[in-house]
PDB file of N, CA and C in Angstrom:
ATOM      1  N   MET A   1       0.842  -1.181   0.000  1.00  0.00           N
ATOM      2  CA  MET A   1       0.000   0.000   0.000  1.00  0.00           C
ATOM      3  C   MET A   1       0.888   1.244   0.000  1.00  0.00           C
ATOM      4  N   SER A   2       0.583   2.173  -0.835  1.00  0.00           N
ATOM      5  CA  SER A   2       1.357   3.407  -0.964  1.00  0.00           C
ATOM      6  C   SER A   2       1.076   4.344   0.204  1.00  0.00           C
ATOM      7  N   SER A   3       2.103   5.051   0.637  1.00  0.00           N
ATOM      8  CA  SER A   3       1.951   6.025   1.720  1.00  0.00           C
ATOM      9  C   SER A   3       1.182   7.239   1.241  1.00  0.00           C
ATOM     10  N   ALA A   4       0.593   7.916   2.205  1.00  0.00           N
ATOM     11  CA  ALA A   4      -0.112   9.167   1.944  1.00  0.00           C
ATOM     12  C   ALA A   4       0.628  10.275   2.693  1.00  0.00           C
ATOM     13  N   PHE A   5       0.464  11.505   2.236  1.00  0.00           N
ATOM     14  CA  PHE A   5       1.191  12.640   2.800  1.00  0.00           C
ATOM     15  C   PHE A   5       0.259  13.712   3.335  1.00  0.00           C
ATOM     16  N   HIS A   6       0.776  14.470   4.288  1.00  0.00           N
ATOM     17  CA  HIS A   6       0.109  15.658   4.816  1.00  0.00           C
ATOM     18  C   HIS A   6       1.118  16.795   4.674  1.00  0.00           C
ATOM     19  N   CYS A   7       0.750  17.856   3.989  1.00  0.00           N
ATOM     20  CA  CYS A   7       1.671  18.973   3.740  1.00  0.00           C
ATOM     21  C   CYS A   7       1.512  20.062   4.789  1.00  0.00           C
ATOM     22  N   ASP A   8       2.624  20.433   5.398  1.00  0.00           N
ATOM     23  CA  ASP A   8       2.670  21.568   6.313  1.00  0.00           C
ATOM     24  C   ASP A   8       2.346  22.833   5.518  1.00  0.00           C
ATOM     25  N   ARG A   9       2.018  23.890   6.212  1.00  0.00           N
ATOM     26  CA  ARG A   9       1.644  25.156   5.561  1.00  0.00           C
ATOM     27  C   ARG A   9       2.771  25.757   4.733  1.00  0.00           C
ATOM     28  N   ASN A  10       4.021  25.372   4.976  1.00  0.00           N
ATOM     29  CA  ASN A  10       5.149  25.945   4.243  1.00  0.00           C
ATOM     30  C   ASN A  10       5.453  25.219   2.930  1.00  0.00           C
ATOM     31  N   VAL A  11       4.742  24.165   2.644  1.00  0.00           N
ATOM     32  CA  VAL A  11       4.996  23.378   1.431  1.00  0.00           C
ATOM     33  C   VAL A  11       4.344  24.058   0.229  1.00  0.00           C
ATOM     34  N   PRO A  12       5.108  24.264  -0.842  1.00  0.00           N
ATOM     35  CA  PRO A  12       4.522  24.889  -2.036  1.00  0.00           C
ATOM     36  C   PRO A  12       3.337  24.082  -2.572  1.00  0.00           C
ATOM     37  N   ARG A  13       2.275  24.765  -2.888  1.00  0.00           N
ATOM     38  CA  ARG A  13       1.055  24.102  -3.378  1.00  0.00           C
ATOM     39  C   ARG A  13       1.316  23.326  -4.657  1.00  0.00           C
ATOM     40  N   ARG A  14       2.286  23.787  -5.443  1.00  0.00           N
ATOM     41  CA  ARG A  14       2.583  23.074  -6.693  1.00  0.00           C
ATOM     42  C   ARG A  14       3.118  21.678  -6.416  1.00  0.00           C
ATOM     43  N   LEU A  15       3.812  21.483  -5.290  1.00  0.00           N
ATOM     44  CA  LEU A  15       4.303  20.153  -4.934  1.00  0.00           C
ATOM     45  C   LEU A  15       3.120  19.224  -4.642  1.00  0.00           C
ATOM     46  N   ALA A  16       2.186  19.688  -3.840  1.00  0.00           N
ATOM     47  CA  ALA A  16       0.998  18.879  -3.535  1.00  0.00           C
ATOM     48  C   ALA A  16       0.219  18.552  -4.806  1.00  0.00           C
ATOM     49  N   ARG A  17       0.070  19.534  -5.664  1.00  0.00           N
ATOM     50  CA  ARG A  17      -0.660  19.337  -6.925  1.00  0.00           C
ATOM     51  C   ARG A  17       0.023  18.268  -7.787  1.00  0.00           C
ATOM     52  N   GLN A  18       1.352  18.348  -7.892  1.00  0.00           N
ATOM     53  CA  GLN A  18       2.090  17.384  -8.712  1.00  0.00           C
ATOM     54  C   GLN A  18       2.053  15.972  -8.107  1.00  0.00           C
ATOM     55  N   LEU A  19       2.076  15.881  -6.780  1.00  0.00           N
ATOM     56  CA  LEU A  19       1.936  14.558  -6.146  1.00  0.00           C
ATOM     57  C   LEU A  19       0.578  13.956  -6.480  1.00  0.00           C
ATOM     58  N   ARG A  20      -0.470  14.765  -6.389  1.00  0.00           N
ATOM     59  CA  ARG A  20      -1.813  14.280  -6.747  1.00  0.00           C
ATOM     60  C   ARG A  20      -1.867  13.837  -8.208  1.00  0.00           C
ATOM     61  N   ASN A  21      -1.222  14.603  -9.083  1.00  0.00           N
ATOM     62  CA  ASN A  21      -1.194  14.238 -10.500  1.00  0.00           C
ATOM     63  C   ASN A  21      -0.535  12.888 -10.721  1.00  0.00           C
ATOM     64  N   ARG A  22       0.312  12.472  -9.792  1.00  0.00           N
ATOM     65  CA  ARG A  22       1.007  11.183  -9.873  1.00  0.00           C
ATOM     66  C   ARG A  22       0.270  10.091  -9.095  1.00  0.00           C
ATOM     67  N   GLY A  23      -0.930  10.388  -8.657  1.00  0.00           N
ATOM     68  CA  GLY A  23      -1.754   9.397  -7.986  1.00  0.00           C
ATOM     69  C   GLY A  23      -1.436   9.183  -6.518  1.00  0.00           C
ATOM     70  N   ILE A  24      -0.739  10.132  -5.895  1.00  0.00           N
ATOM     71  CA  ILE A  24      -0.382  10.011  -4.483  1.00  0.00           C
ATOM     72  C   ILE A  24      -1.366  10.840  -3.658  1.00  0.00           C
ATOM     73  N   SER A  25      -1.875  10.250  -2.606  1.00  0.00           N
ATOM     74  CA  SER A  25      -2.830  10.933  -1.740  1.00  0.00           C
ATOM     75  C   SER A  25      -2.124  12.003  -0.902  1.00  0.00           C
ATOM     76  N   VAL A  26      -2.647  13.221  -0.966  1.00  0.00           N
ATOM     77  CA  VAL A  26      -2.053  14.366  -0.267  1.00  0.00           C
ATOM     78  C   VAL A  26      -3.162  15.207   0.356  1.00  0.00           C
ATOM     79  N   ILE A  27      -2.944  15.605   1.594  1.00  0.00           N
ATOM     80  CA  ILE A  27      -3.803  16.590   2.252  1.00  0.00           C
ATOM     81  C   ILE A  27      -2.932  17.795   2.555  1.00  0.00           C
ATOM     82  N   GLU A  28      -3.423  18.969   2.225  1.00  0.00           N
ATOM     83  CA  GLU A  28      -2.699  20.195   2.559  1.00  0.00           C
ATOM     84  C   GLU A  28      -3.263  20.765   3.858  1.00  0.00           C
ATOM     85  N   ALA A  29      -2.403  21.384   4.647  1.00  0.00           N
ATOM     86  CA  ALA A  29      -2.813  21.945   5.933  1.00  0.00           C
ATOM     87  C   ALA A  29      -4.005  22.879   5.770  1.00  0.00           C
ATOM     88  N   ILE A  30      -4.010  23.675   4.719  1.00  0.00           N
ATOM     89  CA  ILE A  30      -5.114  24.625   4.518  1.00  0.00           C
ATOM     90  C   ILE A  30      -6.441  23.902   4.301  1.00  0.00           C
ATOM     91  N   ALA A  31      -6.418  22.777   3.594  1.00  0.00           N
ATOM     92  CA  ALA A  31      -7.647  22.016   3.341  1.00  0.00           C
ATOM     93  C   ALA A  31      -8.086  21.249   4.583  1.00  0.00           C
ATOM     94  N   ASP A  32      -7.131  20.897   5.433  1.00  0.00           N
ATOM     95  CA  ASP A  32      -7.422  20.134   6.648  1.00  0.00           C
ATOM     96  C   ASP A  32      -7.754  21.054   7.824  1.00  0.00           C
ATOM     97  N   GLY A  33      -7.641  22.362   7.614  1.00  0.00           N
ATOM     98  CA  GLY A  33      -7.922  23.307   8.682  1.00  0.00           C
ATOM     99  C   GLY A  33      -6.821  23.377   9.727  1.00  0.00           C
ATOM    100  N   THR A  34      -5.608  22.915   9.356  1.00  0.00           N
ATOM    101  CA  THR A  34      -4.504  22.896  10.318  1.00  0.00           C
ATOM    102  C   THR A  34      -3.405  23.899   9.976  1.00  0.00           C
ATOM    103  N   GLN A  35      -3.685  24.863   9.104  1.00  0.00           N
ATOM    104  CA  GLN A  35      -2.656  25.810   8.705  1.00  0.00           C
ATOM    105  C   GLN A  35      -2.225  26.715   9.849  1.00  0.00           C
ATOM    106  N   ARG A  36      -3.019  26.846  10.884  1.00  0.00           N
ATOM    107  CA  ARG A  36      -2.656  27.673  12.032  1.00  0.00           C
ATOM    108  C   ARG A  36      -2.378  26.827  13.275  1.00  0.00           C
ATOM    109  N   THR A  37      -2.367  25.533  13.089  1.00  0.00           N
ATOM    110  CA  THR A  37      -2.131  24.610  14.199  1.00  0.00           C
ATOM    111  C   THR A  37      -0.665  24.630  14.598  1.00  0.00           C
ATOM    112  N   GLY A  38      -0.385  24.489  15.867  1.00  0.00           N
ATOM    113  CA  GLY A  38       0.994  24.396  16.340  1.00  0.00           C
ATOM    114  C   GLY A  38       1.662  23.147  15.790  1.00  0.00           C
ATOM    115  N   ASP A  39       2.982  23.167  15.785  1.00  0.00           N
ATOM    116  CA  ASP A  39       3.743  22.072  15.172  1.00  0.00           C
ATOM    117  C   ASP A  39       3.446  20.708  15.795  1.00  0.00           C
ATOM    118  N   GLU A  40       3.399  20.638  17.106  1.00  0.00           N
ATOM    119  CA  GLU A  40       3.135  19.342  17.750  1.00  0.00           C
ATOM    120  C   GLU A  40       1.741  18.840  17.419  1.00  0.00           C
ATOM    121  N   SER A  41       0.785  19.739  17.379  1.00  0.00           N
ATOM    122  CA  SER A  41      -0.584  19.342  17.018  1.00  0.00           C
ATOM    123  C   SER A  41      -0.654  18.875  15.573  1.00  0.00           C
ATOM    124  N   LEU A  42       0.112  19.521  14.707  1.00  0.00           N
ATOM    125  CA  LEU A  42       0.127  19.125  13.300  1.00  0.00           C
ATOM    126  C   LEU A  42       0.732  17.728  13.137  1.00  0.00           C
ATOM    127  N   LEU A  43       1.810  17.455  13.848  1.00  0.00           N
ATOM    128  CA  LEU A  43       2.407  16.125  13.787  1.00  0.00           C
ATOM    129  C   LEU A  43       1.444  15.077  14.360  1.00  0.00           C
ATOM    130  N   ALA A  44       0.749  15.420  15.429  1.00  0.00           N
ATOM    131  CA  ALA A  44      -0.249  14.510  16.002  1.00  0.00           C
ATOM    132  C   ALA A  44      -1.371  14.259  14.995  1.00  0.00           C
ATOM    133  N   ARG A  45      -1.779  15.299  14.278  1.00  0.00           N
ATOM    134  CA  ARG A  45      -2.850  15.153  13.271  1.00  0.00           C
ATOM    135  C   ARG A  45      -2.389  14.251  12.125  1.00  0.00           C
ATOM    136  N   ALA A  46      -1.177  14.454  11.618  1.00  0.00           N
ATOM    137  CA  ALA A  46      -0.654  13.601  10.548  1.00  0.00           C
ATOM    138  C   ALA A  46      -0.588  12.148  11.019  1.00  0.00           C
ATOM    139  N   THR A  47      -0.198  11.952  12.267  1.00  0.00           N
ATOM    140  CA  THR A  47      -0.122  10.601  12.831  1.00  0.00           C
ATOM    141  C   THR A  47      -1.517   9.989  12.922  1.00  0.00           C
ATOM    142  N   GLU A  48      -2.470  10.766  13.392  1.00  0.00           N
ATOM    143  CA  GLU A  48      -3.858  10.310  13.492  1.00  0.00           C
ATOM    144  C   GLU A  48      -4.390   9.859  12.130  1.00  0.00           C
ATOM    145  N   LEU A  49      -4.000  10.584  11.082  1.00  0.00           N
ATOM    146  CA  LEU A  49      -4.464  10.272   9.724  1.00  0.00           C
ATOM    147  C   LEU A  49      -3.576   9.240   9.017  1.00  0.00           C
ATOM    148  N   ASP A  50      -2.507   8.774   9.692  1.00  0.00           N
ATOM    149  CA  ASP A  50      -1.565   7.802   9.122  1.00  0.00           C
ATOM    150  C   ASP A  50      -0.932   8.350   7.839  1.00  0.00           C
ATOM    151  N   ARG A  51      -0.455   9.604   7.920  1.00  0.00           N
ATOM    152  CA  ARG A  51       0.165  10.269   6.782  1.00  0.00           C
ATOM    153  C   ARG A  51       1.554  10.759   7.149  1.00  0.00           C
ATOM    154  N   ILE A  52       2.455  10.715   6.200  1.00  0.00           N
ATOM    155  CA  ILE A  52       3.800  11.251   6.387  1.00  0.00           C
ATOM    156  C   ILE A  52       3.725  12.762   6.213  1.00  0.00           C
ATOM    157  N   LEU A  53       4.244  13.495   7.182  1.00  0.00           N
ATOM    158  CA  LEU A  53       4.205  14.953   7.149  1.00  0.00           C
ATOM    159  C   LEU A  53       5.363  15.492   6.312  1.00  0.00           C
ATOM    160  N   ILE A  54       5.062  16.324   5.328  1.00  0.00           N
ATOM    161  CA  ILE A  54       6.084  16.997   4.519  1.00  0.00           C
ATOM    162  C   ILE A  54       6.255  18.406   5.078  1.00  0.00           C
ATOM    163  N   THR A  55       7.503  18.789   5.371  1.00  0.00           N
ATOM    164  CA  THR A  55       7.749  20.109   5.943  1.00  0.00           C
ATOM    165  C   THR A  55       9.185  20.562   5.707  1.00  0.00           C
ATOM    166  N   SER A  56       9.396  21.864   5.794  1.00  0.00           N
ATOM    167  CA  SER A  56      10.748  22.418   5.804  1.00  0.00           C
ATOM    168  C   SER A  56      11.012  23.133   7.124  1.00  0.00           C
ATOM    169  N   ASP A  57      10.096  22.982   8.063  1.00  0.00           N
ATOM    170  CA  ASP A  57      10.191  23.628   9.370  1.00  0.00           C
ATOM    171  C   ASP A  57      11.142  22.824  10.267  1.00  0.00           C
ATOM    172  N   GLN A  58      12.281  23.411  10.594  1.00  0.00           N
ATOM    173  CA  GLN A  58      13.296  22.712  11.380  1.00  0.00           C
ATOM    174  C   GLN A  58      12.828  22.360  12.788  1.00  0.00           C
ATOM    175  N   ASP A  59      11.798  23.015  13.280  1.00  0.00           N
ATOM    176  CA  ASP A  59      11.271  22.675  14.598  1.00  0.00           C
ATOM    177  C   ASP A  59      10.863  21.200  14.669  1.00  0.00           C
ATOM    178  N   PHE A  60      10.451  20.652  13.542  1.00  0.00           N
ATOM    179  CA  PHE A  60      10.033  19.251  13.547  1.00  0.00           C
ATOM    180  C   PHE A  60      11.194  18.298  13.810  1.00  0.00           C
ATOM    181  N   LEU A  61      12.411  18.702  13.485  1.00  0.00           N
ATOM    182  CA  LEU A  61      13.564  17.860  13.791  1.00  0.00           C
ATOM    183  C   LEU A  61      13.741  17.749  15.308  1.00  0.00           C
ATOM    184  N   GLU A  62      13.535  18.832  16.003  1.00  0.00           N
ATOM    185  CA  GLU A  62      13.618  18.816  17.466  1.00  0.00           C
ATOM    186  C   GLU A  62      12.442  18.066  18.085  1.00  0.00           C
ATOM    187  N   ILE A  63      11.259  18.302  17.553  1.00  0.00           N
ATOM    188  CA  ILE A  63      10.065  17.651  18.091  1.00  0.00           C
ATOM    189  C   ILE A  63      10.165  16.131  17.925  1.00  0.00           C
ATOM    190  N   THR A  64      10.544  15.677  16.743  1.00  0.00           N
ATOM    191  CA  THR A  64      10.622  14.227  16.530  1.00  0.00           C
ATOM    192  C   THR A  64      11.705  13.589  17.401  1.00  0.00           C
ATOM    193  N   ALA A  65      12.820  14.277  17.592  1.00  0.00           N
ATOM    194  CA  ALA A  65      13.877  13.747  18.469  1.00  0.00           C
ATOM    195  C   ALA A  65      13.359  13.622  19.904  1.00  0.00           C
ATOM    196  N   ARG A  66      12.653  14.628  20.350  1.00  0.00           N
ATOM    197  CA  ARG A  66      12.101  14.588  21.712  1.00  0.00           C
ATOM    198  C   ARG A  66      11.044  13.503  21.843  1.00  0.00           C
ATOM    199  N   TRP A  67      10.145  13.397  20.866  1.00  0.00           N
ATOM    200  CA  TRP A  67       9.107  12.366  20.932  1.00  0.00           C
ATOM    201  C   TRP A  67       9.726  10.970  20.947  1.00  0.00           C
ATOM    202  N   ARG A  68      10.802  10.770  20.184  1.00  0.00           N
ATOM    203  CA  ARG A  68      11.491   9.468  20.218  1.00  0.00           C
ATOM    204  C   ARG A  68      12.006   9.176  21.629  1.00  0.00           C
ATOM    205  N   ARG A  69      12.667  10.166  22.228  1.00  0.00           N
ATOM    206  CA  ARG A  69      13.201   9.987  23.585  1.00  0.00           C
ATOM    207  C   ARG A  69      12.097   9.665  24.582  1.00  0.00           C
ATOM    208  N   GLU A  70      10.937  10.278  24.380  1.00  0.00           N
ATOM    209  CA  GLU A  70       9.803  10.075  25.280  1.00  0.00           C
ATOM    210  C   GLU A  70       9.042   8.785  24.970  1.00  0.00           C
ATOM    211  N   GLY A  71       9.419   8.104  23.875  1.00  0.00           N
ATOM    212  CA  GLY A  71       8.722   6.883  23.492  1.00  0.00           C
ATOM    213  C   GLY A  71       7.361   7.146  22.875  1.00  0.00           C
ATOM    214  N   ARG A  72       7.182   8.345  22.374  1.00  0.00           N
ATOM    215  CA  ARG A  72       5.908   8.742  21.763  1.00  0.00           C
ATOM    216  C   ARG A  72       5.963   8.463  20.265  1.00  0.00           C
ATOM    217  N   GLU A  73       5.020   7.676  19.778  1.00  0.00           N
ATOM    218  CA  GLU A  73       5.000   7.320  18.359  1.00  0.00           C
ATOM    219  C   GLU A  73       4.477   8.491  17.529  1.00  0.00           C
ATOM    220  N   PHE A  74       5.073   8.659  16.346  1.00  0.00           N
ATOM    221  CA  PHE A  74       4.627   9.713  15.438  1.00  0.00           C
ATOM    222  C   PHE A  74       4.732   9.231  14.003  1.00  0.00           C
ATOM    223  N   SER A  75       3.907   9.828  13.174  1.00  0.00           N
ATOM    224  CA  SER A  75       4.001   9.577  11.746  1.00  0.00           C
ATOM    225  C   SER A  75       5.341  10.115  11.255  1.00  0.00           C
ATOM    226  N   SER A  76       5.910   9.477  10.277  1.00  0.00           N
ATOM    227  CA  SER A  76       7.204   9.932   9.770  1.00  0.00           C
ATOM    228  C   SER A  76       7.108  11.342   9.193  1.00  0.00           C
ATOM    229  N   VAL A  77       8.268  11.975   9.077  1.00  0.00           N
ATOM    230  CA  VAL A  77       8.376  13.331   8.553  1.00  0.00           C
ATOM    231  C   VAL A  77       9.307  13.309   7.352  1.00  0.00           C
ATOM    232  N   ALA A  78       8.878  13.913   6.258  1.00  0.00           N
ATOM    233  CA  ALA A  78       9.726  14.116   5.077  1.00  0.00           C
ATOM    234  C   ALA A  78      10.180  15.568   5.136  1.00  0.00           C
ATOM    235  N   PHE A  79      11.450  15.767   5.488  1.00  0.00           N
ATOM    236  CA  PHE A  79      11.991  17.102   5.711  1.00  0.00           C
ATOM    237  C   PHE A  79      12.832  17.544   4.520  1.00  0.00           C
ATOM    238  N   TYR A  80      12.651  18.785   4.116  1.00  0.00           N
ATOM    239  CA  TYR A  80      13.472  19.368   3.045  1.00  0.00           C
ATOM    240  C   TYR A  80      13.848  20.785   3.452  1.00  0.00           C
ATOM    241  N   THR A  81      14.856  21.324   2.796  1.00  0.00           N
ATOM    242  CA  THR A  81      15.233  22.706   3.065  1.00  0.00           C
ATOM    243  C   THR A  81      14.769  23.580   1.901  1.00  0.00           C
ATOM    244  N   GLN A  82      14.311  24.769   2.228  1.00  0.00           N
ATOM    245  CA  GLN A  82      13.842  25.711   1.210  1.00  0.00           C
ATOM    246  C   GLN A  82      14.954  26.061   0.230  1.00  0.00           C
ATOM    247  N   GLU A  83      16.187  26.161   0.735  1.00  0.00           N
ATOM    248  CA  GLU A  83      17.314  26.565  -0.114  1.00  0.00           C
ATOM    249  C   GLU A  83      17.606  25.536  -1.207  1.00  0.00           C
ATOM    250  N   ARG A  84      17.333  24.275  -0.930  1.00  0.00           N
ATOM    251  CA  ARG A  84      17.666  23.218  -1.885  1.00  0.00           C
ATOM    252  C   ARG A  84      16.427  22.647  -2.559  1.00  0.00           C
ATOM    253  N   PHE A  85      15.306  23.368  -2.511  1.00  0.00           N
ATOM    254  CA  PHE A  85      14.067  22.857  -3.084  1.00  0.00           C
ATOM    255  C   PHE A  85      14.196  22.737  -4.597  1.00  0.00           C
ATOM    256  N   ASP A  86      13.982  21.540  -5.071  1.00  0.00           N
ATOM    257  CA  ASP A  86      13.978  21.238  -6.500  1.00  0.00           C
ATOM    258  C   ASP A  86      12.752  20.363  -6.723  1.00  0.00           C
ATOM    259  N   LEU A  87      11.754  20.890  -7.407  1.00  0.00           N
ATOM    260  CA  LEU A  87      10.475  20.200  -7.549  1.00  0.00           C
ATOM    261  C   LEU A  87      10.636  18.788  -8.113  1.00  0.00           C
ATOM    262  N   GLY A  88      11.394  18.634  -9.167  1.00  0.00           N
ATOM    263  CA  GLY A  88      11.573  17.323  -9.780  1.00  0.00           C
ATOM    264  C   GLY A  88      12.201  16.316  -8.839  1.00  0.00           C
ATOM    265  N   ARG A  89      13.260  16.730  -8.159  1.00  0.00           N
ATOM    266  CA  ARG A  89      13.928  15.822  -7.218  1.00  0.00           C
ATOM    267  C   ARG A  89      13.040  15.524  -6.013  1.00  0.00           C
ATOM    268  N   MET A  90      12.287  16.512  -5.554  1.00  0.00           N
ATOM    269  CA  MET A  90      11.350  16.280  -4.446  1.00  0.00           C
ATOM    270  C   MET A  90      10.313  15.244  -4.845  1.00  0.00           C
ATOM    271  N   LEU A  91       9.741  15.410  -6.028  1.00  0.00           N
ATOM    272  CA  LEU A  91       8.728  14.462  -6.493  1.00  0.00           C
ATOM    273  C   LEU A  91       9.292  13.049  -6.589  1.00  0.00           C
ATOM    274  N   ASP A  92      10.485  12.931  -7.144  1.00  0.00           N
ATOM    275  CA  ASP A  92      11.119  11.606  -7.255  1.00  0.00           C
ATOM    276  C   ASP A  92      11.345  10.991  -5.879  1.00  0.00           C
ATOM    277  N   SER A  93      11.890  11.779  -4.954  1.00  0.00           N
ATOM    278  CA  SER A  93      12.174  11.273  -3.611  1.00  0.00           C
ATOM    279  C   SER A  93      10.897  10.873  -2.875  1.00  0.00           C
ATOM    280  N   LEU A  94       9.875  11.719  -2.944  1.00  0.00           N
ATOM    281  CA  LEU A  94       8.620  11.414  -2.258  1.00  0.00           C
ATOM    282  C   LEU A  94       7.920  10.216  -2.885  1.00  0.00           C
ATOM    283  N   ARG A  95       8.065  10.058  -4.191  1.00  0.00           N
ATOM    284  CA  ARG A  95       7.483   8.881  -4.855  1.00  0.00           C
ATOM    285  C   ARG A  95       8.137   7.598  -4.347  1.00  0.00           C
ATOM    286  N   VAL A  96       9.454   7.629  -4.185  1.00  0.00           N
ATOM    287  CA  VAL A  96      10.163   6.459  -3.651  1.00  0.00           C
ATOM    288  C   VAL A  96       9.658   6.149  -2.240  1.00  0.00           C
ATOM    289  N   ILE A  97       9.528   7.181  -1.410  1.00  0.00           N
ATOM    290  CA  ILE A  97       9.031   6.987  -0.047  1.00  0.00           C
ATOM    291  C   ILE A  97       7.614   6.410  -0.079  1.00  0.00           C
ATOM    292  N   ALA A  98       6.760   6.977  -0.919  1.00  0.00           N
ATOM    293  CA  ALA A  98       5.371   6.521  -1.004  1.00  0.00           C
ATOM    294  C   ALA A  98       5.282   5.069  -1.447  1.00  0.00           C
ATOM    295  N   ASP A  99       6.077   4.698  -2.433  1.00  0.00           N
ATOM    296  CA  ASP A  99       6.005   3.339  -2.976  1.00  0.00           C
ATOM    297  C   ASP A  99       6.678   2.305  -2.089  1.00  0.00           C
ATOM    298  N   ALA A 100       7.723   2.714  -1.381  1.00  0.00           N
ATOM    299  CA  ALA A 100       8.526   1.747  -0.638  1.00  0.00           C
ATOM    300  C   ALA A 100       8.105   1.589   0.815  1.00  0.00           C
ATOM    301  N   SER A 101       7.356   2.512   1.344  1.00  0.00           N
ATOM    302  CA  SER A 101       7.039   2.484   2.775  1.00  0.00           C
ATOM    303  C   SER A 101       5.998   1.421   3.095  1.00  0.00           C
ATOM    304  N   GLU A 102       6.382   0.505   3.945  1.00  0.00           N
ATOM    305  CA  GLU A 102       5.445  -0.455   4.510  1.00  0.00           C
ATOM    306  C   GLU A 102       4.847   0.187   5.760  1.00  0.00           C
ATOM    307  N   MET A 103       3.767  -0.367   6.250  1.00  0.00           N
ATOM    308  CA  MET A 103       3.083   0.203   7.408  1.00  0.00           C
ATOM    309  C   MET A 103       4.042   0.445   8.576  1.00  0.00           C
ATOM    310  N   GLN A 104       4.897  -0.516   8.899  1.00  0.00           N
ATOM    311  CA  GLN A 104       5.799  -0.350  10.044  1.00  0.00           C
ATOM    312  C   GLN A 104       6.858   0.718   9.786  1.00  0.00           C
ATOM    313  N   ASP A 105       7.100   1.085   8.533  1.00  0.00           N
ATOM    314  CA  ASP A 105       8.092   2.103   8.200  1.00  0.00           C
ATOM    315  C   ASP A 105       7.512   3.517   8.220  1.00  0.00           C
ATOM    316  N   ARG A 106       6.235   3.645   8.433  1.00  0.00           N
ATOM    317  CA  ARG A 106       5.597   4.953   8.378  1.00  0.00           C
ATOM    318  C   ARG A 106       5.690   5.727   9.678  1.00  0.00           C
ATOM    319  N   TYR A 107       6.326   5.149  10.665  1.00  0.00           N
ATOM    320  CA  TYR A 107       6.365   5.783  11.975  1.00  0.00           C
ATOM    321  C   TYR A 107       7.789   5.987  12.465  1.00  0.00           C
ATOM    322  N   ASN A 108       7.949   7.095  13.201  1.00  0.00           N
ATOM    323  CA  ASN A 108       9.178   7.384  13.943  1.00  0.00           C
ATOM    324  C   ASN A 108      10.413   7.541  13.073  1.00  0.00           C
ATOM    325  N   ARG A 109      10.241   8.013  11.861  1.00  0.00           N
ATOM    326  CA  ARG A 109      11.366   8.241  10.950  1.00  0.00           C
ATOM    327  C   ARG A 109      11.349   9.691  10.459  1.00  0.00           C
ATOM    328  N   VAL A 110      12.541  10.171  10.138  1.00  0.00           N
ATOM    329  CA  VAL A 110      12.659  11.459   9.461  1.00  0.00           C
ATOM    330  C   VAL A 110      13.415  11.188   8.167  1.00  0.00           C
ATOM    331  N   TYR A 111      12.762  11.456   7.052  1.00  0.00           N
ATOM    332  CA  TYR A 111      13.391  11.335   5.732  1.00  0.00           C
ATOM    333  C   TYR A 111      13.888  12.716   5.340  1.00  0.00           C
ATOM    334  N   PHE A 112      15.119  12.801   4.883  1.00  0.00           N
ATOM    335  CA  PHE A 112      15.662  14.066   4.388  1.00  0.00           C
ATOM    336  C   PHE A 112      15.588  14.020   2.865  1.00  0.00           C
ATOM    337  N   VAL A 113      14.780  14.888   2.283  1.00  0.00           N
ATOM    338  CA  VAL A 113      14.553  14.880   0.846  1.00  0.00           C
ATOM    339  C   VAL A 113      14.830  16.257   0.266  1.00  0.00           C
ATOM    340  N   PRO A 114      15.186  16.381  -1.001  1.00  0.00           N
ATOM    341  CA  PRO A 114      15.564  15.245  -1.835  1.00  0.00           C
ATOM    342  C   PRO A 114      16.958  14.751  -1.463  1.00  0.00           C
ATOM    343  N   TRP A 115      17.185  13.525  -1.749  1.00  0.00           N
ATOM    344  CA  TRP A 115      18.519  12.968  -1.478  1.00  0.00           C
ATOM    345  C   TRP A 115      19.254  12.737  -2.747  1.00  0.00           C
TER     346      TRP A 115
END
């Protein structure tokens, strides 16, 4: 089963649109009503929906590290940097994650994309 994604408010809408065009399920924060939600609540929401969170917000690197230490399960995070954003490479990397992720791989991981 292919993974599904939840896009943080900082993710370009064109990325979400292109993922959908490739048949990948994507929810954007604005459509989910979470565009003003705090980071921890957003990660909890992505986990609740069993979706990998796409973000460039570095706060999530700290949050996921802390949640791991606390033994708190979370949906995986696909992290990218704004400076290195390349739409084509992002799409390729996220497609690999979507196609390769088994259910047990969808939790407690941080993917750095594009690689």
